[in-house]
């Protein structure tokens, strides 16, 4: 019986490790992206929810994987937030597919 217990809150170091970034980068992103607001306990320690981690994932994807500037990532997130959810999900799915196909093409070209 190996049931995985789902945590409600994650520490900043757990989130930083998950994305292979520093805690200071996460704190910086928090100051730059208003939609990233993890809760803080009485000591001031940040507690990230699954929703916060999804926001970090979006920021990470745009800035680290796609090479967007911070301003470009903000605009992209804002424009996706203004789209109907179905359209935003479709666009994200297509972008993921495009990335996958580009990587596949590169691998095929390298093996030839």
PDB file of N, CA and C in Angstrom:
ATOM      1  N   UNK A   1       0.834  -1.187   0.000  1.00  0.00           N
ATOM      2  CA  UNK A   1       0.000   0.000   0.000  1.00  0.00           C
ATOM      3  C   UNK A   1       0.874   1.244   0.000  1.00  0.00           C
ATOM      4  N   UNK A   2       1.279   1.654  -1.148  1.00  0.00           N
ATOM      5  CA  UNK A   2       2.124   2.843  -1.232  1.00  0.00           C
ATOM      6  C   UNK A   2       1.295   4.024  -1.717  1.00  0.00           C
ATOM      7  N   UNK A   3       0.523   4.563  -0.800  1.00  0.00           N
ATOM      8  CA  UNK A   3      -0.274   5.744  -1.126  1.00  0.00           C
ATOM      9  C   UNK A   3       0.559   6.981  -0.891  1.00  0.00           C
ATOM     10  N   UNK A   4       0.546   7.867  -1.857  1.00  0.00           N
ATOM     11  CA  UNK A   4       1.284   9.105  -1.722  1.00  0.00           C
ATOM     12  C   UNK A   4       0.393  10.131  -1.042  1.00  0.00           C
ATOM     13  N   UNK A   5       0.877  10.672   0.047  1.00  0.00           N
ATOM     14  CA  UNK A   5       0.115  11.688   0.771  1.00  0.00           C
ATOM     15  C   UNK A   5       0.383  13.033   0.120  1.00  0.00           C
ATOM     16  N   UNK A   6      -0.684  13.691  -0.243  1.00  0.00           N
ATOM     17  CA  UNK A   6      -0.582  14.989  -0.913  1.00  0.00           C
ATOM     18  C   UNK A   6      -0.433  16.079   0.146  1.00  0.00           C
ATOM     19  N   UNK A   7       0.613  16.855   0.032  1.00  0.00           N
ATOM     20  CA  UNK A   7       0.827  17.936   0.980  1.00  0.00           C
ATOM     21  C   UNK A   7      -0.040  19.132   0.605  1.00  0.00           C
ATOM     22  N   UNK A   8      -0.408  19.894   1.608  1.00  0.00           N
ATOM     23  CA  UNK A   8      -1.181  21.110   1.375  1.00  0.00           C
ATOM     24  C   UNK A   8      -0.236  22.278   1.120  1.00  0.00           C
ATOM     25  N   UNK A   9       0.836  22.348   1.898  1.00  0.00           N
ATOM     26  CA  UNK A   9       1.797  23.442   1.775  1.00  0.00           C
ATOM     27  C   UNK A   9       3.201  22.891   1.569  1.00  0.00           C
ATOM     28  N   UNK A  10       3.989  23.630   0.783  1.00  0.00           N
ATOM     29  CA  UNK A  10       5.374  23.288   0.526  1.00  0.00           C
ATOM     30  C   UNK A  10       6.242  24.470   0.946  1.00  0.00           C
ATOM     31  N   UNK A  11       7.435  24.180   1.436  1.00  0.00           N
ATOM     32  CA  UNK A  11       8.351  25.248   1.833  1.00  0.00           C
ATOM     33  C   UNK A  11       9.013  25.837   0.585  1.00  0.00           C
ATOM     34  N   UNK A  12       9.617  26.971   0.761  1.00  0.00           N
ATOM     35  CA  UNK A  12      10.290  27.623  -0.369  1.00  0.00           C
ATOM     36  C   UNK A  12      11.448  26.754  -0.860  1.00  0.00           C
ATOM     37  N   UNK A  13      12.126  26.073   0.059  1.00  0.00           N
ATOM     38  CA  UNK A  13      13.250  25.223  -0.369  1.00  0.00           C
ATOM     39  C   UNK A  13      12.762  24.009  -1.153  1.00  0.00           C
ATOM     40  N   UNK A  14      11.603  23.460  -0.798  1.00  0.00           N
ATOM     41  CA  UNK A  14      11.050  22.340  -1.562  1.00  0.00           C
ATOM     42  C   UNK A  14      10.683  22.777  -2.978  1.00  0.00           C
ATOM     43  N   UNK A  15      10.089  23.955  -3.095  1.00  0.00           N
ATOM     44  CA  UNK A  15       9.708  24.461  -4.416  1.00  0.00           C
ATOM     45  C   UNK A  15      10.959  24.800  -5.228  1.00  0.00           C
ATOM     46  N   UNK A  16      11.945  25.410  -4.575  1.00  0.00           N
ATOM     47  CA  UNK A  16      13.195  25.742  -5.266  1.00  0.00           C
ATOM     48  C   UNK A  16      13.875  24.475  -5.780  1.00  0.00           C
ATOM     49  N   UNK A  17      13.903  23.428  -4.964  1.00  0.00           N
ATOM     50  CA  UNK A  17      14.512  22.162  -5.387  1.00  0.00           C
ATOM     51  C   UNK A  17      13.749  21.548  -6.555  1.00  0.00           C
ATOM     52  N   UNK A  18      12.431  21.647  -6.514  1.00  0.00           N
ATOM     53  CA  UNK A  18      11.598  21.070  -7.577  1.00  0.00           C
ATOM     54  C   UNK A  18      11.937  21.678  -8.938  1.00  0.00           C
ATOM     55  N   UNK A  19      12.232  22.982  -8.959  1.00  0.00           N
ATOM     56  CA  UNK A  19      12.518  23.666 -10.218  1.00  0.00           C
ATOM     57  C   UNK A  19      14.014  23.920 -10.434  1.00  0.00           C
ATOM     58  N   UNK A  20      14.824  23.452  -9.507  1.00  0.00           N
ATOM     59  CA  UNK A  20      16.272  23.633  -9.599  1.00  0.00           C
ATOM     60  C   UNK A  20      16.652  25.112  -9.719  1.00  0.00           C
ATOM     61  N   UNK A  21      16.027  25.931  -8.858  1.00  0.00           N
ATOM     62  CA  UNK A  21      16.341  27.352  -8.777  1.00  0.00           C
ATOM     63  C   UNK A  21      16.634  27.677  -7.317  1.00  0.00           C
ATOM     64  N   UNK A  22      17.075  28.891  -7.060  1.00  0.00           N
ATOM     65  CA  UNK A  22      17.360  29.288  -5.687  1.00  0.00           C
ATOM     66  C   UNK A  22      16.113  29.883  -5.032  1.00  0.00           C
ATOM     67  N   UNK A  23      16.106  29.844  -3.714  1.00  0.00           N
ATOM     68  CA  UNK A  23      15.001  30.441  -2.965  1.00  0.00           C
ATOM     69  C   UNK A  23      14.948  31.949  -3.216  1.00  0.00           C
ATOM     70  N   UNK A  24      16.115  32.563  -3.381  1.00  0.00           N
ATOM     71  CA  UNK A  24      16.127  34.009  -3.624  1.00  0.00           C
ATOM     72  C   UNK A  24      15.488  34.342  -4.966  1.00  0.00           C
ATOM     73  N   UNK A  25      15.623  33.473  -5.958  1.00  0.00           N
ATOM     74  CA  UNK A  25      14.965  33.701  -7.246  1.00  0.00           C
ATOM     75  C   UNK A  25      13.449  33.633  -7.080  1.00  0.00           C
ATOM     76  N   UNK A  26      12.969  32.679  -6.300  1.00  0.00           N
ATOM     77  CA  UNK A  26      11.528  32.589  -6.044  1.00  0.00           C
ATOM     78  C   UNK A  26      11.019  33.839  -5.335  1.00  0.00           C
ATOM     79  N   UNK A  27      11.793  34.337  -4.373  1.00  0.00           N
ATOM     80  CA  UNK A  27      11.388  35.572  -3.677  1.00  0.00           C
ATOM     81  C   UNK A  27      11.381  36.750  -4.652  1.00  0.00           C
ATOM     82  N   UNK A  28      12.351  36.788  -5.563  1.00  0.00           N
ATOM     83  CA  UNK A  28      12.391  37.840  -6.571  1.00  0.00           C
ATOM     84  C   UNK A  28      11.176  37.764  -7.484  1.00  0.00           C
ATOM     85  N   UNK A  29      10.859  36.546  -7.963  1.00  0.00           N
ATOM     86  CA  UNK A  29       9.687  36.373  -8.816  1.00  0.00           C
ATOM     87  C   UNK A  29       8.425  36.804  -8.084  1.00  0.00           C
ATOM     88  N   UNK A  30       8.385  36.544  -6.779  1.00  0.00           N
ATOM     89  CA  UNK A  30       7.231  36.952  -5.984  1.00  0.00           C
ATOM     90  C   UNK A  30       7.058  38.469  -6.034  1.00  0.00           C
ATOM     91  N   UNK A  31       8.168  39.196  -6.044  1.00  0.00           N
ATOM     92  CA  UNK A  31       8.081  40.662  -6.104  1.00  0.00           C
ATOM     93  C   UNK A  31       7.741  41.158  -7.509  1.00  0.00           C
ATOM     94  N   UNK A  32       8.049  40.372  -8.527  1.00  0.00           N
ATOM     95  CA  UNK A  32       7.818  40.776  -9.916  1.00  0.00           C
ATOM     96  C   UNK A  32       6.468  40.333 -10.475  1.00  0.00           C
ATOM     97  N   UNK A  33       5.939  39.233  -9.973  1.00  0.00           N
ATOM     98  CA  UNK A  33       4.692  38.680 -10.491  1.00  0.00           C
ATOM     99  C   UNK A  33       3.624  38.732  -9.401  1.00  0.00           C
ATOM    100  N   UNK A  34       2.688  39.668  -9.517  1.00  0.00           N
ATOM    101  CA  UNK A  34       1.691  39.841  -8.460  1.00  0.00           C
ATOM    102  C   UNK A  34       0.807  38.615  -8.229  1.00  0.00           C
ATOM    103  N   UNK A  35       0.710  37.738  -9.227  1.00  0.00           N
ATOM    104  CA  UNK A  35      -0.136  36.554  -9.052  1.00  0.00           C
ATOM    105  C   UNK A  35       0.542  35.476  -8.207  1.00  0.00           C
ATOM    106  N   UNK A  36       1.823  35.644  -7.908  1.00  0.00           N
ATOM    107  CA  UNK A  36       2.558  34.696  -7.074  1.00  0.00           C
ATOM    108  C   UNK A  36       2.612  35.240  -5.651  1.00  0.00           C
ATOM    109  N   UNK A  37       1.726  34.764  -4.806  1.00  0.00           N
ATOM    110  CA  UNK A  37       1.643  35.237  -3.432  1.00  0.00           C
ATOM    111  C   UNK A  37       1.493  34.056  -2.469  1.00  0.00           C
ATOM    112  N   UNK A  38       2.594  33.381  -2.156  1.00  0.00           N
ATOM    113  CA  UNK A  38       2.472  32.279  -1.196  1.00  0.00           C
ATOM    114  C   UNK A  38       2.109  32.821   0.189  1.00  0.00           C
ATOM    115  N   UNK A  39       1.404  32.000   0.950  1.00  0.00           N
ATOM    116  CA  UNK A  39       1.052  32.399   2.310  1.00  0.00           C
ATOM    117  C   UNK A  39       2.305  32.423   3.163  1.00  0.00           C
ATOM    118  N   UNK A  40       2.252  33.205   4.225  1.00  0.00           N
ATOM    119  CA  UNK A  40       3.355  33.229   5.181  1.00  0.00           C
ATOM    120  C   UNK A  40       2.801  32.896   6.553  1.00  0.00           C
ATOM    121  N   UNK A  41       3.577  32.118   7.312  1.00  0.00           N
ATOM    122  CA  UNK A  41       3.140  31.812   8.668  1.00  0.00           C
ATOM    123  C   UNK A  41       3.556  32.947   9.602  1.00  0.00           C
ATOM    124  N   UNK A  42       3.325  32.786  10.880  1.00  0.00           N
ATOM    125  CA  UNK A  42       3.630  33.860  11.835  1.00  0.00           C
ATOM    126  C   UNK A  42       5.108  34.212  11.863  1.00  0.00           C
ATOM    127  N   UNK A  43       5.956  33.238  11.560  1.00  0.00           N
ATOM    128  CA  UNK A  43       7.399  33.488  11.503  1.00  0.00           C
ATOM    129  C   UNK A  43       7.808  34.196  10.221  1.00  0.00           C
ATOM    130  N   UNK A  44       6.924  34.192   9.241  1.00  0.00           N
ATOM    131  CA  UNK A  44       7.260  34.800   7.957  1.00  0.00           C
ATOM    132  C   UNK A  44       7.739  33.805   6.919  1.00  0.00           C
ATOM    133  N   UNK A  45       7.723  32.506   7.262  1.00  0.00           N
ATOM    134  CA  UNK A  45       8.123  31.473   6.308  1.00  0.00           C
ATOM    135  C   UNK A  45       7.045  31.324   5.241  1.00  0.00           C
ATOM    136  N   UNK A  46       7.483  31.236   3.998  1.00  0.00           N
ATOM    137  CA  UNK A  46       6.538  31.090   2.894  1.00  0.00           C
ATOM    138  C   UNK A  46       6.021  29.662   2.814  1.00  0.00           C
ATOM    139  N   UNK A  47       4.732  29.533   2.518  1.00  0.00           N
ATOM    140  CA  UNK A  47       4.084  28.231   2.348  1.00  0.00           C
ATOM    141  C   UNK A  47       3.378  28.240   1.001  1.00  0.00           C
ATOM    142  N   UNK A  48       3.886  27.428   0.089  1.00  0.00           N
ATOM    143  CA  UNK A  48       3.367  27.381  -1.272  1.00  0.00           C
ATOM    144  C   UNK A  48       2.283  26.306  -1.385  1.00  0.00           C
ATOM    145  N   UNK A  49       1.159  26.665  -2.017  1.00  0.00           N
ATOM    146  CA  UNK A  49       0.107  25.709  -2.304  1.00  0.00           C
ATOM    147  C   UNK A  49       0.332  25.153  -3.710  1.00  0.00           C
ATOM    148  N   UNK A  50      -0.483  24.169  -4.086  1.00  0.00           N
ATOM    149  CA  UNK A  50      -0.392  23.628  -5.446  1.00  0.00           C
ATOM    150  C   UNK A  50      -0.637  24.738  -6.479  1.00  0.00           C
ATOM    151  N   UNK A  51      -1.559  25.629  -6.182  1.00  0.00           N
ATOM    152  CA  UNK A  51      -1.849  26.734  -7.105  1.00  0.00           C
ATOM    153  C   UNK A  51      -0.619  27.640  -7.260  1.00  0.00           C
ATOM    154  N   UNK A  52       0.069  27.933  -6.147  1.00  0.00           N
ATOM    155  CA  UNK A  52       1.287  28.738  -6.215  1.00  0.00           C
ATOM    156  C   UNK A  52       2.347  28.039  -7.061  1.00  0.00           C
ATOM    157  N   UNK A  53       2.444  26.724  -6.907  1.00  0.00           N
ATOM    158  CA  UNK A  53       3.436  25.961  -7.660  1.00  0.00           C
ATOM    159  C   UNK A  53       3.098  25.976  -9.149  1.00  0.00           C
ATOM    160  N   UNK A  54       1.818  25.964  -9.483  1.00  0.00           N
ATOM    161  CA  UNK A  54       1.421  26.076 -10.891  1.00  0.00           C
ATOM    162  C   UNK A  54       1.854  27.418 -11.471  1.00  0.00           C
ATOM    163  N   UNK A  55       1.734  28.478 -10.676  1.00  0.00           N
ATOM    164  CA  UNK A  55       2.179  29.802 -11.130  1.00  0.00           C
ATOM    165  C   UNK A  55       3.694  29.803 -11.323  1.00  0.00           C
ATOM    166  N   UNK A  56       4.423  29.221 -10.378  1.00  0.00           N
ATOM    167  CA  UNK A  56       5.882  29.128 -10.514  1.00  0.00           C
ATOM    168  C   UNK A  56       6.233  28.341 -11.773  1.00  0.00           C
ATOM    169  N   UNK A  57       5.487  27.268 -12.047  1.00  0.00           N
ATOM    170  CA  UNK A  57       5.726  26.457 -13.243  1.00  0.00           C
ATOM    171  C   UNK A  57       5.558  27.294 -14.510  1.00  0.00           C
ATOM    172  N   UNK A  58       4.510  28.118 -14.548  1.00  0.00           N
ATOM    173  CA  UNK A  58       4.289  28.982 -15.715  1.00  0.00           C
ATOM    174  C   UNK A  58       5.435  29.965 -15.882  1.00  0.00           C
ATOM    175  N   UNK A  59       5.823  30.596 -14.772  1.00  0.00           N
ATOM    176  CA  UNK A  59       6.921  31.576 -14.827  1.00  0.00           C
ATOM    177  C   UNK A  59       8.208  30.888 -15.258  1.00  0.00           C
ATOM    178  N   UNK A  60       8.509  29.751 -14.645  1.00  0.00           N
ATOM    179  CA  UNK A  60       9.723  29.010 -14.973  1.00  0.00           C
ATOM    180  C   UNK A  60       9.743  28.634 -16.459  1.00  0.00           C
ATOM    181  N   UNK A  61       8.620  28.114 -16.937  1.00  0.00           N
ATOM    182  CA  UNK A  61       8.537  27.699 -18.332  1.00  0.00           C
ATOM    183  C   UNK A  61       8.817  28.878 -19.272  1.00  0.00           C
ATOM    184  N   UNK A  62       8.182  30.003 -18.993  1.00  0.00           N
ATOM    185  CA  UNK A  62       8.345  31.155 -19.885  1.00  0.00           C
ATOM    186  C   UNK A  62       9.737  31.760 -19.797  1.00  0.00           C
ATOM    187  N   UNK A  63      10.264  31.910 -18.582  1.00  0.00           N
ATOM    188  CA  UNK A  63      11.543  32.603 -18.399  1.00  0.00           C
ATOM    189  C   UNK A  63      12.733  31.687 -18.658  1.00  0.00           C
ATOM    190  N   UNK A  64      12.716  30.511 -18.071  1.00  0.00           N
ATOM    191  CA  UNK A  64      13.888  29.632 -18.153  1.00  0.00           C
ATOM    192  C   UNK A  64      13.893  28.734 -19.391  1.00  0.00           C
ATOM    193  N   UNK A  65      12.726  28.234 -19.776  1.00  0.00           N
ATOM    194  CA  UNK A  65      12.693  27.307 -20.904  1.00  0.00           C
ATOM    195  C   UNK A  65      12.464  28.021 -22.234  1.00  0.00           C
ATOM    196  N   UNK A  66      11.584  29.013 -22.246  1.00  0.00           N
ATOM    197  CA  UNK A  66      11.257  29.716 -23.488  1.00  0.00           C
ATOM    198  C   UNK A  66      12.130  30.946 -23.719  1.00  0.00           C
ATOM    199  N   UNK A  67      12.805  31.437 -22.669  1.00  0.00           N
ATOM    200  CA  UNK A  67      13.702  32.576 -22.821  1.00  0.00           C
ATOM    201  C   UNK A  67      13.032  33.932 -22.824  1.00  0.00           C
ATOM    202  N   UNK A  68      11.803  34.007 -22.301  1.00  0.00           N
ATOM    203  CA  UNK A  68      11.118  35.293 -22.226  1.00  0.00           C
ATOM    204  C   UNK A  68      11.801  36.198 -21.207  1.00  0.00           C
ATOM    205  N   UNK A  69      11.712  37.504 -21.441  1.00  0.00           N
ATOM    206  CA  UNK A  69      12.129  38.454 -20.415  1.00  0.00           C
ATOM    207  C   UNK A  69      11.052  38.447 -19.334  1.00  0.00           C
ATOM    208  N   UNK A  70      11.352  39.048 -18.192  1.00  0.00           N
ATOM    209  CA  UNK A  70      10.344  39.105 -17.125  1.00  0.00           C
ATOM    210  C   UNK A  70       9.113  39.856 -17.602  1.00  0.00           C
ATOM    211  N   UNK A  71       9.320  40.952 -18.309  1.00  0.00           N
ATOM    212  CA  UNK A  71       8.187  41.731 -18.815  1.00  0.00           C
ATOM    213  C   UNK A  71       7.389  40.914 -19.822  1.00  0.00           C
ATOM    214  N   UNK A  72       8.072  40.210 -20.694  1.00  0.00           N
ATOM    215  CA  UNK A  72       7.388  39.369 -21.677  1.00  0.00           C
ATOM    216  C   UNK A  72       6.591  38.255 -21.011  1.00  0.00           C
ATOM    217  N   UNK A  73       7.173  37.660 -19.969  1.00  0.00           N
ATOM    218  CA  UNK A  73       6.468  36.600 -19.241  1.00  0.00           C
ATOM    219  C   UNK A  73       5.233  37.162 -18.545  1.00  0.00           C
ATOM    220  N   UNK A  74       5.363  38.347 -17.959  1.00  0.00           N
ATOM    221  CA  UNK A  74       4.208  38.987 -17.303  1.00  0.00           C
ATOM    222  C   UNK A  74       3.083  39.204 -18.312  1.00  0.00           C
ATOM    223  N   UNK A  75       3.448  39.731 -19.474  1.00  0.00           N
ATOM    224  CA  UNK A  75       2.435  40.002 -20.505  1.00  0.00           C
ATOM    225  C   UNK A  75       1.795  38.707 -21.005  1.00  0.00           C
ATOM    226  N   UNK A  76       2.597  37.661 -21.170  1.00  0.00           N
ATOM    227  CA  UNK A  76       2.066  36.391 -21.643  1.00  0.00           C
ATOM    228  C   UNK A  76       1.095  35.806 -20.610  1.00  0.00           C
ATOM    229  N   UNK A  77       1.468  35.840 -19.350  1.00  0.00           N
ATOM    230  CA  UNK A  77       0.595  35.316 -18.292  1.00  0.00           C
ATOM    231  C   UNK A  77      -0.680  36.137 -18.213  1.00  0.00           C
ATOM    232  N   UNK A  78      -0.530  37.456 -18.319  1.00  0.00           N
ATOM    233  CA  UNK A  78      -1.701  38.341 -18.270  1.00  0.00           C
ATOM    234  C   UNK A  78      -2.636  38.074 -19.452  1.00  0.00           C
ATOM    235  N   UNK A  79      -2.067  37.897 -20.640  1.00  0.00           N
ATOM    236  CA  UNK A  79      -2.909  37.671 -21.817  1.00  0.00           C
ATOM    237  C   UNK A  79      -3.605  36.314 -21.732  1.00  0.00           C
ATOM    238  N   UNK A  80      -2.928  35.321 -21.189  1.00  0.00           N
ATOM    239  CA  UNK A  80      -3.560  34.010 -21.019  1.00  0.00           C
ATOM    240  C   UNK A  80      -4.653  34.075 -19.957  1.00  0.00           C
ATOM    241  N   UNK A  81      -4.467  34.916 -18.943  1.00  0.00           N
ATOM    242  CA  UNK A  81      -5.474  35.039 -17.892  1.00  0.00           C
ATOM    243  C   UNK A  81      -6.739  35.692 -18.429  1.00  0.00           C
ATOM    244  N   UNK A  82      -6.608  36.519 -19.452  1.00  0.00           N
ATOM    245  CA  UNK A  82      -7.763  37.209 -20.023  1.00  0.00           C
ATOM    246  C   UNK A  82      -8.503  36.360 -21.050  1.00  0.00           C
ATOM    247  N   UNK A  83      -7.934  35.228 -21.417  1.00  0.00           N
ATOM    248  CA  UNK A  83      -8.573  34.348 -22.391  1.00  0.00           C
ATOM    249  C   UNK A  83      -9.523  33.400 -21.665  1.00  0.00           C
ATOM    250  N   UNK A  84     -10.538  32.944 -22.351  1.00  0.00           N
ATOM    251  CA  UNK A  84     -11.391  31.923 -21.737  1.00  0.00           C
ATOM    252  C   UNK A  84     -10.545  30.701 -21.378  1.00  0.00           C
ATOM    253  N   UNK A  85     -10.857  30.013 -20.280  1.00  0.00           N
ATOM    254  CA  UNK A  85     -10.026  28.898 -19.825  1.00  0.00           C
ATOM    255  C   UNK A  85      -9.803  27.821 -20.879  1.00  0.00           C
ATOM    256  N   UNK A  86     -10.823  27.481 -21.650  1.00  0.00           N
ATOM    257  CA  UNK A  86     -10.659  26.440 -22.650  1.00  0.00           C
ATOM    258  C   UNK A  86      -9.640  26.846 -23.709  1.00  0.00           C
ATOM    259  N   UNK A  87      -9.721  28.094 -24.159  1.00  0.00           N
ATOM    260  CA  UNK A  87      -8.803  28.573 -25.187  1.00  0.00           C
ATOM    261  C   UNK A  87      -7.370  28.607 -24.648  1.00  0.00           C
ATOM    262  N   UNK A  88      -7.209  29.059 -23.401  1.00  0.00           N
ATOM    263  CA  UNK A  88      -5.878  29.110 -22.795  1.00  0.00           C
ATOM    264  C   UNK A  88      -5.294  27.708 -22.667  1.00  0.00           C
ATOM    265  N   UNK A  89      -6.118  26.743 -22.277  1.00  0.00           N
ATOM    266  CA  UNK A  89      -5.646  25.362 -22.143  1.00  0.00           C
ATOM    267  C   UNK A  89      -5.246  24.789 -23.496  1.00  0.00           C
ATOM    268  N   UNK A  90      -6.017  25.100 -24.516  1.00  0.00           N
ATOM    269  CA  UNK A  90      -5.703  24.615 -25.864  1.00  0.00           C
ATOM    270  C   UNK A  90      -4.390  25.225 -26.347  1.00  0.00           C
ATOM    271  N   UNK A  91      -4.227  26.523 -26.130  1.00  0.00           N
ATOM    272  CA  UNK A  91      -2.997  27.191 -26.559  1.00  0.00           C
ATOM    273  C   UNK A  91      -1.795  26.607 -25.832  1.00  0.00           C
ATOM    274  N   UNK A  92      -1.926  26.392 -24.523  1.00  0.00           N
ATOM    275  CA  UNK A  92      -0.812  25.815 -23.764  1.00  0.00           C
ATOM    276  C   UNK A  92      -0.494  24.408 -24.254  1.00  0.00           C
ATOM    277  N   UNK A  93      -1.531  23.639 -24.536  1.00  0.00           N
ATOM    278  CA  UNK A  93      -1.330  22.285 -25.046  1.00  0.00           C
ATOM    279  C   UNK A  93      -0.621  22.306 -26.397  1.00  0.00           C
ATOM    280  N   UNK A  94      -1.029  23.220 -27.256  1.00  0.00           N
ATOM    281  CA  UNK A  94      -0.382  23.341 -28.570  1.00  0.00           C
ATOM    282  C   UNK A  94       1.064  23.806 -28.439  1.00  0.00           C
ATOM    283  N   UNK A  95       1.330  24.718 -27.500  1.00  0.00           N
ATOM    284  CA  UNK A  95       2.706  25.166 -27.285  1.00  0.00           C
ATOM    285  C   UNK A  95       3.569  24.011 -26.796  1.00  0.00           C
ATOM    286  N   UNK A  96       3.022  23.189 -25.897  1.00  0.00           N
ATOM    287  CA  UNK A  96       3.760  22.019 -25.411  1.00  0.00           C
ATOM    288  C   UNK A  96       4.029  21.043 -26.554  1.00  0.00           C
ATOM    289  N   UNK A  97       3.039  20.850 -27.397  1.00  0.00           N
ATOM    290  CA  UNK A  97       3.200  19.958 -28.550  1.00  0.00           C
ATOM    291  C   UNK A  97       4.263  20.500 -29.502  1.00  0.00           C
ATOM    292  N   UNK A  98       4.237  21.796 -29.730  1.00  0.00           N
ATOM    293  CA  UNK A  98       5.226  22.428 -30.612  1.00  0.00           C
ATOM    294  C   UNK A  98       6.638  22.230 -30.056  1.00  0.00           C
ATOM    295  N   UNK A  99       6.794  22.425 -28.748  1.00  0.00           N
ATOM    296  CA  UNK A  99       8.096  22.226 -28.111  1.00  0.00           C
ATOM    297  C   UNK A  99       8.553  20.784 -28.267  1.00  0.00           C
ATOM    298  N   UNK A 100       7.649  19.847 -28.014  1.00  0.00           N
ATOM    299  CA  UNK A 100       7.965  18.426 -28.147  1.00  0.00           C
ATOM    300  C   UNK A 100       8.394  18.093 -29.573  1.00  0.00           C
ATOM    301  N   UNK A 101       7.634  18.583 -30.545  1.00  0.00           N
ATOM    302  CA  UNK A 101       7.956  18.284 -31.939  1.00  0.00           C
ATOM    303  C   UNK A 101       9.282  18.907 -32.358  1.00  0.00           C
ATOM    304  N   UNK A 102       9.568  20.098 -31.857  1.00  0.00           N
ATOM    305  CA  UNK A 102      10.851  20.741 -32.168  1.00  0.00           C
ATOM    306  C   UNK A 102      12.009  19.930 -31.601  1.00  0.00           C
ATOM    307  N   UNK A 103      11.840  19.459 -30.363  1.00  0.00           N
ATOM    308  CA  UNK A 103      12.889  18.647 -29.751  1.00  0.00           C
ATOM    309  C   UNK A 103      13.058  17.324 -30.495  1.00  0.00           C
ATOM    310  N   UNK A 104      11.958  16.731 -30.898  1.00  0.00           N
ATOM    311  CA  UNK A 104      12.004  15.481 -31.654  1.00  0.00           C
ATOM    312  C   UNK A 104      12.722  15.682 -32.985  1.00  0.00           C
ATOM    313  N   UNK A 105      12.419  16.794 -33.653  1.00  0.00           N
ATOM    314  CA  UNK A 105      13.067  17.102 -34.929  1.00  0.00           C
ATOM    315  C   UNK A 105      14.574  17.252 -34.740  1.00  0.00           C
ATOM    316  N   UNK A 106      14.988  17.956 -33.663  1.00  0.00           N
ATOM    317  CA  UNK A 106      16.402  18.139 -33.405  1.00  0.00           C
ATOM    318  C   UNK A 106      17.094  16.796 -33.168  1.00  0.00           C
ATOM    319  N   UNK A 107      16.454  15.922 -32.412  1.00  0.00           N
ATOM    320  CA  UNK A 107      17.032  14.606 -32.128  1.00  0.00           C
ATOM    321  C   UNK A 107      17.171  13.792 -33.410  1.00  0.00           C
ATOM    322  N   UNK A 108      16.147  13.860 -34.253  1.00  0.00           N
ATOM    323  CA  UNK A 108      16.205  13.120 -35.516  1.00  0.00           C
ATOM    324  C   UNK A 108      17.314  13.648 -36.409  1.00  0.00           C
ATOM    325  N   UNK A 109      17.473  14.969 -36.429  1.00  0.00           N
ATOM    326  CA  UNK A 109      18.521  15.566 -37.262  1.00  0.00           C
ATOM    327  C   UNK A 109      19.899  15.209 -36.729  1.00  0.00           C
ATOM    328  N   UNK A 110      20.044  15.127 -35.413  1.00  0.00           N
ATOM    329  CA  UNK A 110      21.321  14.775 -34.813  1.00  0.00           C
ATOM    330  C   UNK A 110      21.687  13.323 -35.060  1.00  0.00           C
ATOM    331  N   UNK A 111      20.683  12.451 -35.099  1.00  0.00           N
ATOM    332  CA  UNK A 111      20.971  11.021 -35.285  1.00  0.00           C
ATOM    333  C   UNK A 111      21.197  10.668 -36.748  1.00  0.00           C
ATOM    334  N   UNK A 112      20.880  11.578 -37.657  1.00  0.00           N
ATOM    335  CA  UNK A 112      21.051  11.289 -39.092  1.00  0.00           C
ATOM    336  C   UNK A 112      22.484  11.490 -39.539  1.00  0.00           C
TER     337      UNK A 112
END
